N, C-alpha and C. Protein backbone atom coordinates (compact mmCIF):
# COMPACT_ATOMS: atom_id res chain seq x y z
N UNK A 1 -20.95 -2.35 14.23
CA UNK A 1 -20.31 -3.61 13.85
C UNK A 1 -18.85 -3.34 13.46
N UNK A 2 -17.98 -4.15 13.99
CA UNK A 2 -16.55 -4.00 13.75
C UNK A 2 -16.19 -4.50 12.35
N UNK A 3 -15.38 -3.71 11.64
CA UNK A 3 -14.93 -4.05 10.31
C UNK A 3 -13.45 -4.41 10.35
N UNK A 4 -13.08 -5.46 9.64
CA UNK A 4 -11.69 -5.86 9.52
C UNK A 4 -11.01 -4.96 8.49
N UNK A 5 -9.89 -4.34 8.89
CA UNK A 5 -9.22 -3.37 8.03
C UNK A 5 -7.71 -3.58 8.04
N UNK A 6 -7.08 -2.95 7.04
CA UNK A 6 -5.62 -2.91 6.98
C UNK A 6 -5.20 -1.48 6.70
N UNK A 7 -4.27 -0.99 7.51
CA UNK A 7 -3.64 0.31 7.25
C UNK A 7 -2.34 0.03 6.52
N UNK A 8 -2.20 0.63 5.36
CA UNK A 8 -0.99 0.50 4.55
C UNK A 8 -0.17 1.76 4.77
N UNK A 9 0.99 1.62 5.38
CA UNK A 9 1.88 2.75 5.61
C UNK A 9 2.84 2.88 4.44
N UNK A 10 3.24 4.11 4.16
CA UNK A 10 4.19 4.36 3.08
C UNK A 10 5.53 4.77 3.68
N UNK A 11 6.61 4.29 3.07
CA UNK A 11 7.94 4.73 3.46
C UNK A 11 8.44 4.19 4.78
N UNK A 12 8.05 2.98 5.11
CA UNK A 12 8.43 2.38 6.38
C UNK A 12 9.95 2.17 6.47
N UNK A 13 10.57 1.79 5.40
CA UNK A 13 12.01 1.52 5.40
C UNK A 13 12.72 2.34 4.32
N UNK A 14 12.53 3.66 4.35
CA UNK A 14 13.15 4.54 3.36
C UNK A 14 14.00 5.60 4.03
N UNK A 15 15.04 6.03 3.32
CA UNK A 15 15.87 7.15 3.76
C UNK A 15 16.35 7.01 5.20
N UNK A 16 16.77 5.83 5.56
CA UNK A 16 17.30 5.61 6.90
C UNK A 16 16.25 5.39 7.97
N UNK A 17 14.99 5.53 7.61
CA UNK A 17 13.91 5.29 8.58
C UNK A 17 13.60 3.80 8.55
N UNK A 18 13.55 3.20 9.72
CA UNK A 18 13.26 1.78 9.83
C UNK A 18 12.30 1.58 10.99
N UNK A 19 11.01 1.60 10.68
CA UNK A 19 9.99 1.44 11.72
C UNK A 19 9.86 -0.03 12.09
N UNK A 20 9.95 -0.32 13.35
CA UNK A 20 9.72 -1.68 13.83
C UNK A 20 8.21 -1.88 13.95
N UNK A 21 7.71 -2.96 13.40
CA UNK A 21 6.26 -3.17 13.37
C UNK A 21 5.66 -3.33 14.76
N UNK A 22 6.42 -3.88 15.71
CA UNK A 22 5.90 -3.99 17.08
C UNK A 22 5.67 -2.59 17.66
N UNK A 23 6.57 -1.66 17.37
CA UNK A 23 6.43 -0.29 17.82
C UNK A 23 5.22 0.38 17.15
N UNK A 24 5.07 0.18 15.85
CA UNK A 24 3.92 0.73 15.12
C UNK A 24 2.62 0.18 15.71
N UNK A 25 2.58 -1.11 15.97
CA UNK A 25 1.37 -1.72 16.57
C UNK A 25 1.07 -1.10 17.93
N UNK A 26 2.11 -0.82 18.71
CA UNK A 26 1.89 -0.19 20.02
C UNK A 26 1.26 1.19 19.86
N UNK A 27 1.68 1.94 18.86
CA UNK A 27 1.07 3.25 18.60
C UNK A 27 -0.39 3.06 18.19
N UNK A 28 -0.66 2.11 17.33
CA UNK A 28 -2.04 1.83 16.90
C UNK A 28 -2.91 1.43 18.09
N UNK A 29 -2.34 0.71 19.03
CA UNK A 29 -3.11 0.23 20.19
C UNK A 29 -3.57 1.37 21.09
N UNK A 30 -3.07 2.57 20.88
CA UNK A 30 -3.52 3.73 21.64
C UNK A 30 -4.88 4.22 21.16
N UNK A 31 -5.30 3.73 20.01
CA UNK A 31 -6.61 4.06 19.45
C UNK A 31 -7.63 3.03 19.95
N UNK A 32 -8.90 3.38 19.93
CA UNK A 32 -9.93 2.41 20.34
C UNK A 32 -10.24 1.41 19.21
N UNK A 33 -9.23 0.58 18.90
CA UNK A 33 -9.39 -0.44 17.87
C UNK A 33 -8.97 -1.78 18.47
N UNK A 34 -9.29 -2.87 17.78
CA UNK A 34 -9.05 -4.20 18.33
C UNK A 34 -8.18 -5.05 17.41
N UNK A 35 -7.61 -6.09 17.99
CA UNK A 35 -6.87 -7.11 17.24
C UNK A 35 -5.77 -6.52 16.35
N UNK A 36 -4.98 -5.61 16.88
CA UNK A 36 -3.91 -4.97 16.11
C UNK A 36 -2.76 -5.94 15.94
N UNK A 37 -2.32 -6.10 14.69
CA UNK A 37 -1.18 -6.96 14.39
C UNK A 37 -0.61 -6.57 13.03
N UNK A 38 0.64 -6.92 12.80
CA UNK A 38 1.27 -6.57 11.53
C UNK A 38 1.44 -7.81 10.66
N UNK A 39 1.55 -7.55 9.37
CA UNK A 39 1.84 -8.61 8.40
C UNK A 39 3.09 -8.17 7.65
N UNK A 40 4.14 -8.94 7.79
CA UNK A 40 5.45 -8.64 7.23
C UNK A 40 5.99 -7.35 7.84
N UNK A 41 7.14 -6.89 7.38
CA UNK A 41 7.77 -5.70 7.96
C UNK A 41 7.66 -4.50 7.04
N UNK A 42 6.63 -4.49 6.20
CA UNK A 42 6.52 -3.45 5.18
C UNK A 42 5.39 -2.47 5.44
N UNK A 43 4.89 -2.41 6.66
CA UNK A 43 3.89 -1.41 7.00
C UNK A 43 2.47 -1.81 6.69
N UNK A 44 2.09 -3.01 7.04
CA UNK A 44 0.73 -3.52 6.85
C UNK A 44 0.18 -3.85 8.24
N UNK A 45 -0.72 -3.02 8.73
CA UNK A 45 -1.23 -3.19 10.09
C UNK A 45 -2.71 -3.57 10.01
N UNK A 46 -3.02 -4.77 10.49
CA UNK A 46 -4.39 -5.27 10.52
C UNK A 46 -5.03 -4.89 11.85
N UNK A 47 -6.34 -4.63 11.80
CA UNK A 47 -7.07 -4.30 13.02
C UNK A 47 -8.57 -4.34 12.73
N UNK A 48 -9.35 -4.28 13.78
CA UNK A 48 -10.80 -4.20 13.66
C UNK A 48 -11.28 -2.91 14.29
N UNK A 49 -12.27 -2.29 13.65
CA UNK A 49 -12.78 -1.03 14.18
C UNK A 49 -14.18 -0.76 13.65
N UNK A 50 -14.91 0.04 14.41
CA UNK A 50 -16.21 0.52 13.94
C UNK A 50 -16.20 2.04 13.84
N UNK A 51 -15.01 2.64 13.91
CA UNK A 51 -14.84 4.09 13.78
C UNK A 51 -14.87 4.46 12.30
N UNK A 52 -15.47 5.61 11.99
CA UNK A 52 -15.51 6.11 10.62
C UNK A 52 -14.08 6.18 10.07
N UNK A 53 -13.87 5.64 8.90
CA UNK A 53 -12.53 5.47 8.34
C UNK A 53 -11.76 6.78 8.21
N UNK A 54 -12.38 7.85 7.73
CA UNK A 54 -11.67 9.13 7.57
C UNK A 54 -11.21 9.66 8.93
N UNK A 55 -12.05 9.54 9.94
CA UNK A 55 -11.68 9.98 11.29
C UNK A 55 -10.53 9.15 11.84
N UNK A 56 -10.62 7.85 11.63
CA UNK A 56 -9.58 6.95 12.11
C UNK A 56 -8.24 7.24 11.41
N UNK A 57 -8.29 7.48 10.11
CA UNK A 57 -7.06 7.78 9.37
C UNK A 57 -6.41 9.06 9.92
N UNK A 58 -7.20 10.11 10.07
CA UNK A 58 -6.64 11.37 10.60
C UNK A 58 -6.01 11.15 11.97
N UNK A 59 -6.70 10.44 12.83
CA UNK A 59 -6.20 10.21 14.18
C UNK A 59 -4.92 9.37 14.17
N UNK A 60 -4.90 8.30 13.38
CA UNK A 60 -3.72 7.45 13.31
C UNK A 60 -2.53 8.19 12.70
N UNK A 61 -2.76 8.95 11.64
CA UNK A 61 -1.66 9.70 11.03
C UNK A 61 -1.09 10.72 12.01
N UNK A 62 -1.96 11.38 12.76
CA UNK A 62 -1.50 12.36 13.75
C UNK A 62 -0.69 11.68 14.84
N UNK A 63 -1.22 10.59 15.36
CA UNK A 63 -0.54 9.87 16.44
C UNK A 63 0.81 9.31 15.95
N UNK A 64 0.84 8.74 14.76
CA UNK A 64 2.08 8.19 14.20
C UNK A 64 3.10 9.31 13.94
N UNK A 65 2.63 10.42 13.37
CA UNK A 65 3.53 11.54 13.07
C UNK A 65 4.14 12.11 14.34
N UNK A 66 3.34 12.23 15.38
CA UNK A 66 3.86 12.71 16.67
C UNK A 66 4.87 11.72 17.25
N UNK A 67 4.57 10.45 17.16
CA UNK A 67 5.45 9.43 17.73
C UNK A 67 6.80 9.40 17.00
N UNK A 68 6.78 9.48 15.66
CA UNK A 68 8.01 9.35 14.87
C UNK A 68 8.66 10.68 14.54
N UNK A 69 7.98 11.80 14.85
CA UNK A 69 8.57 13.11 14.61
C UNK A 69 8.71 13.48 13.15
N UNK A 70 7.89 12.88 12.31
CA UNK A 70 7.88 13.19 10.88
C UNK A 70 6.50 12.87 10.34
N UNK A 71 6.15 13.45 9.21
CA UNK A 71 4.84 13.18 8.63
C UNK A 71 4.73 11.72 8.21
N UNK A 72 3.68 11.08 8.64
CA UNK A 72 3.39 9.69 8.30
C UNK A 72 2.04 9.66 7.60
N UNK A 73 2.00 9.02 6.46
CA UNK A 73 0.71 8.87 5.77
C UNK A 73 0.37 7.39 5.67
N UNK A 74 -0.92 7.13 5.67
CA UNK A 74 -1.39 5.76 5.53
C UNK A 74 -2.71 5.75 4.78
N UNK A 75 -3.04 4.62 4.24
CA UNK A 75 -4.31 4.43 3.55
C UNK A 75 -4.95 3.20 4.17
N UNK A 76 -6.22 3.31 4.49
CA UNK A 76 -6.95 2.22 5.13
C UNK A 76 -7.90 1.58 4.13
N UNK A 77 -7.84 0.26 4.04
CA UNK A 77 -8.74 -0.51 3.18
C UNK A 77 -9.40 -1.60 4.02
N UNK A 78 -10.66 -1.89 3.71
CA UNK A 78 -11.33 -2.99 4.42
C UNK A 78 -11.13 -4.30 3.67
N UNK A 79 -11.59 -5.36 4.24
CA UNK A 79 -11.36 -6.70 3.69
C UNK A 79 -11.94 -6.85 2.28
N UNK A 80 -13.12 -6.30 2.05
CA UNK A 80 -13.73 -6.41 0.72
C UNK A 80 -12.91 -5.67 -0.33
N UNK A 81 -12.36 -4.52 0.04
CA UNK A 81 -11.52 -3.77 -0.89
C UNK A 81 -10.23 -4.52 -1.20
N UNK A 82 -9.68 -5.18 -0.21
CA UNK A 82 -8.46 -5.97 -0.44
C UNK A 82 -8.77 -7.19 -1.30
N UNK A 83 -9.90 -7.79 -1.07
CA UNK A 83 -10.32 -8.90 -1.93
C UNK A 83 -10.47 -8.43 -3.37
N UNK A 84 -11.01 -7.22 -3.58
CA UNK A 84 -11.14 -6.66 -4.92
C UNK A 84 -9.77 -6.45 -5.57
N UNK A 85 -8.80 -6.01 -4.78
CA UNK A 85 -7.44 -5.84 -5.31
C UNK A 85 -6.93 -7.17 -5.86
N UNK A 86 -7.15 -8.23 -5.12
CA UNK A 86 -6.68 -9.55 -5.55
C UNK A 86 -7.44 -10.05 -6.78
N UNK A 87 -8.75 -9.94 -6.74
CA UNK A 87 -9.56 -10.50 -7.84
C UNK A 87 -9.48 -9.68 -9.12
N UNK A 88 -9.06 -8.42 -9.03
CA UNK A 88 -9.00 -7.56 -10.20
C UNK A 88 -7.64 -7.55 -10.89
N UNK A 89 -6.67 -8.22 -10.31
CA UNK A 89 -5.32 -8.20 -10.90
C UNK A 89 -5.37 -8.69 -12.35
N UNK A 90 -4.92 -7.88 -13.29
CA UNK A 90 -5.02 -8.24 -14.70
C UNK A 90 -3.88 -9.11 -15.21
N UNK A 91 -2.85 -9.28 -14.39
CA UNK A 91 -1.66 -9.99 -14.86
C UNK A 91 -1.58 -11.38 -14.22
N UNK A 92 -1.35 -12.40 -15.04
CA UNK A 92 -1.23 -13.76 -14.49
C UNK A 92 0.08 -13.92 -13.72
N UNK A 93 0.06 -14.86 -12.81
CA UNK A 93 1.28 -15.17 -12.05
C UNK A 93 2.36 -15.63 -13.03
N UNK A 94 3.56 -15.12 -12.83
CA UNK A 94 4.69 -15.46 -13.69
C UNK A 94 5.94 -15.39 -12.82
N UNK A 95 6.68 -16.47 -12.75
CA UNK A 95 7.85 -16.54 -11.85
C UNK A 95 8.94 -15.55 -12.25
N UNK A 96 8.89 -14.99 -13.45
CA UNK A 96 9.90 -14.02 -13.90
C UNK A 96 9.47 -12.57 -13.69
N UNK A 97 8.25 -12.38 -13.20
CA UNK A 97 7.70 -11.02 -13.12
C UNK A 97 7.24 -10.69 -11.70
N UNK A 98 7.29 -9.38 -11.38
CA UNK A 98 6.64 -8.85 -10.18
C UNK A 98 5.37 -8.17 -10.64
N UNK A 99 4.31 -8.36 -9.88
CA UNK A 99 3.07 -7.62 -10.11
C UNK A 99 2.80 -6.82 -8.85
N UNK A 100 2.69 -5.51 -9.01
CA UNK A 100 2.43 -4.61 -7.90
C UNK A 100 1.03 -4.04 -8.00
N UNK A 101 0.34 -4.04 -6.87
CA UNK A 101 -0.95 -3.37 -6.75
C UNK A 101 -0.68 -2.06 -6.02
N UNK A 102 -1.25 -0.99 -6.54
CA UNK A 102 -1.05 0.33 -5.94
C UNK A 102 -2.25 0.68 -5.08
N UNK A 103 -1.98 0.96 -3.82
CA UNK A 103 -3.00 1.33 -2.86
C UNK A 103 -3.01 2.87 -2.85
N UNK A 104 -4.10 3.44 -3.31
CA UNK A 104 -4.15 4.89 -3.41
C UNK A 104 -5.59 5.38 -3.21
N UNK A 105 -5.71 6.67 -3.09
CA UNK A 105 -7.04 7.27 -2.98
C UNK A 105 -7.73 7.15 -4.33
N UNK A 106 -9.06 7.09 -4.29
CA UNK A 106 -9.83 6.97 -5.52
C UNK A 106 -9.47 8.08 -6.49
N UNK A 107 -9.24 7.70 -7.73
CA UNK A 107 -8.91 8.65 -8.78
C UNK A 107 -7.43 8.73 -9.08
N UNK A 108 -6.57 8.46 -8.10
CA UNK A 108 -5.13 8.60 -8.34
C UNK A 108 -4.60 7.52 -9.27
N UNK A 109 -5.33 6.43 -9.40
CA UNK A 109 -4.90 5.38 -10.33
C UNK A 109 -4.82 5.92 -11.76
N UNK A 110 -5.67 6.89 -12.09
CA UNK A 110 -5.64 7.50 -13.43
C UNK A 110 -4.36 8.32 -13.62
N UNK A 111 -3.94 9.02 -12.58
CA UNK A 111 -2.69 9.78 -12.64
C UNK A 111 -1.52 8.83 -12.83
N UNK A 112 -1.52 7.71 -12.11
CA UNK A 112 -0.46 6.72 -12.27
C UNK A 112 -0.41 6.20 -13.71
N UNK A 113 -1.58 5.93 -14.27
CA UNK A 113 -1.63 5.41 -15.65
C UNK A 113 -1.11 6.46 -16.63
N UNK A 114 -1.51 7.70 -16.43
CA UNK A 114 -1.02 8.78 -17.29
C UNK A 114 0.50 8.89 -17.21
N UNK A 115 1.04 8.82 -16.01
CA UNK A 115 2.49 8.93 -15.83
C UNK A 115 3.21 7.73 -16.42
N UNK A 116 2.62 6.54 -16.32
CA UNK A 116 3.23 5.36 -16.94
C UNK A 116 3.32 5.57 -18.45
N UNK A 117 2.33 6.23 -19.03
CA UNK A 117 2.31 6.49 -20.47
C UNK A 117 3.42 7.42 -20.94
N UNK A 118 4.15 8.04 -20.02
CA UNK A 118 5.22 8.96 -20.41
C UNK A 118 6.58 8.27 -20.53
N UNK A 119 6.65 6.99 -20.17
CA UNK A 119 7.92 6.28 -20.24
C UNK A 119 7.93 5.32 -21.42
N UNK A 120 9.11 4.85 -21.76
CA UNK A 120 9.25 3.76 -22.71
C UNK A 120 9.43 2.51 -21.86
N UNK A 121 8.38 1.67 -21.79
CA UNK A 121 8.47 0.49 -20.92
C UNK A 121 9.53 -0.50 -21.39
N UNK A 122 10.11 -1.19 -20.43
CA UNK A 122 11.03 -2.28 -20.74
C UNK A 122 10.24 -3.45 -21.31
N UNK A 123 10.95 -4.44 -21.81
CA UNK A 123 10.31 -5.64 -22.33
C UNK A 123 9.45 -6.25 -21.21
N UNK A 124 8.23 -6.58 -21.51
CA UNK A 124 7.25 -7.18 -20.59
C UNK A 124 6.78 -6.25 -19.47
N UNK A 125 7.24 -5.01 -19.45
CA UNK A 125 6.75 -4.08 -18.43
C UNK A 125 5.41 -3.52 -18.90
N UNK A 126 4.41 -3.64 -18.04
CA UNK A 126 3.06 -3.22 -18.40
C UNK A 126 2.39 -2.57 -17.20
N UNK A 127 1.36 -1.77 -17.49
CA UNK A 127 0.53 -1.21 -16.44
C UNK A 127 -0.91 -1.26 -16.92
N UNK A 128 -1.82 -1.39 -15.96
CA UNK A 128 -3.24 -1.46 -16.32
C UNK A 128 -4.08 -1.08 -15.11
N UNK A 129 -5.20 -0.42 -15.39
CA UNK A 129 -6.20 -0.17 -14.35
C UNK A 129 -7.25 -1.25 -14.50
N UNK A 130 -7.56 -1.90 -13.41
CA UNK A 130 -8.57 -2.95 -13.40
C UNK A 130 -9.30 -2.90 -12.06
N UNK A 131 -10.61 -2.92 -12.09
CA UNK A 131 -11.38 -2.89 -10.84
C UNK A 131 -11.12 -1.64 -10.02
N UNK A 132 -10.78 -0.53 -10.68
CA UNK A 132 -10.50 0.71 -9.97
C UNK A 132 -9.12 0.76 -9.34
N UNK A 133 -8.27 -0.21 -9.64
CA UNK A 133 -6.92 -0.29 -9.08
C UNK A 133 -5.89 -0.17 -10.19
N UNK A 134 -4.74 0.37 -9.85
CA UNK A 134 -3.61 0.44 -10.78
C UNK A 134 -2.67 -0.73 -10.47
N UNK A 135 -2.27 -1.44 -11.53
CA UNK A 135 -1.35 -2.56 -11.41
C UNK A 135 -0.16 -2.33 -12.33
N UNK A 136 1.00 -2.77 -11.87
CA UNK A 136 2.23 -2.63 -12.64
C UNK A 136 2.95 -3.96 -12.65
N UNK A 137 3.30 -4.42 -13.84
CA UNK A 137 4.07 -5.66 -14.01
C UNK A 137 5.44 -5.28 -14.52
N UNK A 138 6.48 -5.82 -13.87
CA UNK A 138 7.85 -5.52 -14.25
C UNK A 138 8.70 -6.77 -14.01
N UNK A 139 9.71 -6.96 -14.84
CA UNK A 139 10.59 -8.12 -14.69
C UNK A 139 11.30 -8.09 -13.35
N UNK A 140 11.41 -9.26 -12.72
CA UNK A 140 12.15 -9.35 -11.47
C UNK A 140 13.58 -8.89 -11.71
N UNK A 141 14.09 -8.14 -10.75
CA UNK A 141 15.46 -7.64 -10.85
C UNK A 141 15.56 -6.29 -11.55
N UNK A 142 14.48 -5.81 -12.15
CA UNK A 142 14.56 -4.53 -12.85
C UNK A 142 13.60 -3.48 -12.31
N UNK A 143 12.98 -3.77 -11.18
CA UNK A 143 12.01 -2.82 -10.61
C UNK A 143 12.62 -1.45 -10.41
N UNK A 144 13.75 -1.37 -9.74
CA UNK A 144 14.35 -0.08 -9.42
C UNK A 144 15.01 0.59 -10.62
N UNK A 145 15.27 -0.16 -11.70
CA UNK A 145 15.87 0.40 -12.90
C UNK A 145 14.84 0.96 -13.87
N UNK A 146 13.60 0.68 -13.63
CA UNK A 146 12.54 1.10 -14.54
C UNK A 146 12.37 2.62 -14.54
N UNK A 147 12.06 3.16 -15.70
CA UNK A 147 11.75 4.59 -15.79
C UNK A 147 10.55 4.94 -14.93
N UNK A 148 9.64 4.01 -14.80
CA UNK A 148 8.45 4.27 -13.99
C UNK A 148 8.81 4.36 -12.51
N UNK A 149 9.77 3.57 -12.05
CA UNK A 149 10.15 3.66 -10.63
C UNK A 149 10.74 5.03 -10.32
N UNK A 150 11.40 5.64 -11.29
CA UNK A 150 11.93 7.00 -11.07
C UNK A 150 10.79 7.99 -10.88
N UNK A 151 9.71 7.83 -11.62
CA UNK A 151 8.54 8.69 -11.47
C UNK A 151 7.92 8.48 -10.10
N UNK A 152 7.83 7.23 -9.67
CA UNK A 152 7.22 6.91 -8.38
C UNK A 152 7.97 7.54 -7.21
N UNK A 153 9.25 7.80 -7.39
CA UNK A 153 10.05 8.40 -6.34
C UNK A 153 9.99 9.92 -6.28
N UNK A 154 9.28 10.54 -7.21
CA UNK A 154 9.18 12.00 -7.23
C UNK A 154 8.45 12.52 -6.00
N UNK A 155 8.90 13.66 -5.51
CA UNK A 155 8.37 14.24 -4.28
C UNK A 155 6.86 14.45 -4.33
N UNK A 156 6.34 14.92 -5.45
CA UNK A 156 4.89 15.20 -5.55
C UNK A 156 4.05 13.92 -5.54
N UNK A 157 4.67 12.77 -5.69
CA UNK A 157 3.96 11.49 -5.66
C UNK A 157 3.95 10.90 -4.24
N UNK A 158 4.79 11.43 -3.38
CA UNK A 158 5.13 10.84 -2.09
C UNK A 158 3.95 10.34 -1.26
N UNK A 159 2.97 11.17 -1.02
CA UNK A 159 1.90 10.79 -0.10
C UNK A 159 0.62 10.34 -0.79
N UNK A 160 0.69 10.07 -2.07
CA UNK A 160 -0.51 9.76 -2.84
C UNK A 160 -0.80 8.26 -2.95
N UNK A 161 0.20 7.44 -2.69
CA UNK A 161 0.01 6.00 -2.89
C UNK A 161 1.05 5.22 -2.10
N UNK A 162 0.82 3.93 -2.02
CA UNK A 162 1.85 2.98 -1.65
C UNK A 162 1.60 1.76 -2.51
N UNK A 163 2.57 0.91 -2.65
CA UNK A 163 2.38 -0.27 -3.49
C UNK A 163 2.80 -1.51 -2.73
N UNK A 164 2.20 -2.62 -3.13
CA UNK A 164 2.56 -3.91 -2.55
C UNK A 164 2.59 -4.95 -3.66
N UNK A 165 3.54 -5.85 -3.57
CA UNK A 165 3.56 -6.99 -4.46
C UNK A 165 2.25 -7.75 -4.25
N UNK A 166 1.68 -8.27 -5.32
CA UNK A 166 0.38 -8.94 -5.22
C UNK A 166 0.45 -10.14 -4.25
N UNK A 167 1.61 -10.76 -4.13
CA UNK A 167 1.73 -11.88 -3.18
C UNK A 167 1.65 -11.37 -1.74
N UNK A 168 2.13 -10.16 -1.48
CA UNK A 168 1.99 -9.55 -0.16
C UNK A 168 0.52 -9.26 0.13
N UNK A 169 -0.20 -8.75 -0.87
CA UNK A 169 -1.63 -8.47 -0.69
C UNK A 169 -2.36 -9.77 -0.35
N UNK A 170 -1.97 -10.87 -0.97
CA UNK A 170 -2.59 -12.16 -0.67
C UNK A 170 -2.32 -12.56 0.77
N UNK A 171 -1.10 -12.36 1.25
CA UNK A 171 -0.76 -12.69 2.64
C UNK A 171 -1.57 -11.85 3.61
N UNK A 172 -1.75 -10.57 3.28
CA UNK A 172 -2.55 -9.68 4.12
C UNK A 172 -3.99 -10.20 4.18
N UNK A 173 -4.55 -10.48 3.03
CA UNK A 173 -5.94 -10.96 2.98
C UNK A 173 -6.11 -12.25 3.77
N UNK A 174 -5.16 -13.17 3.63
CA UNK A 174 -5.24 -14.45 4.33
C UNK A 174 -5.20 -14.30 5.85
N UNK A 175 -4.62 -13.23 6.35
CA UNK A 175 -4.52 -13.00 7.80
C UNK A 175 -5.68 -12.19 8.36
N UNK A 176 -6.53 -11.67 7.49
CA UNK A 176 -7.65 -10.84 7.98
C UNK A 176 -8.74 -11.73 8.56
N UNK A 177 -9.40 -11.21 9.59
CA UNK A 177 -10.47 -11.95 10.27
C UNK A 177 -11.73 -11.88 9.45
């Protein structure tokens, strides 16, 4: 049975790299998967597959890395997991705040929480683990100035996670079959 999934790519528009989503989708279409399409230009690729997720991830990362000539990492979540990300968000919608959900391998949310505990948060800046997910709330306009954003940019953190604004996660979920 085919499962609806989303591959979350990290670093799509960083350090001069600008992956076009149509090109990424073409690379994905080389795999035996169906209904490949992107949501926004931030590395969210929807598709359907009945291939074991770990095998699919290895194959897609290899194919993407070969195509782009650099290491590409991605994390695959199914529709139920994305629904959990939405329903577990601990922070209410607030027009003055960004809420980010961190897409990571199981267990890394604890590392993120530990690292958040090493900074002095700005006013209204908060982090919480809920439903097995790490969430970060930060005032609009101050995301890149946060001490936590500096930690997130560290080399050893590079391939461990990616993050999406909770409104982006909602758009992804709404487009899933």
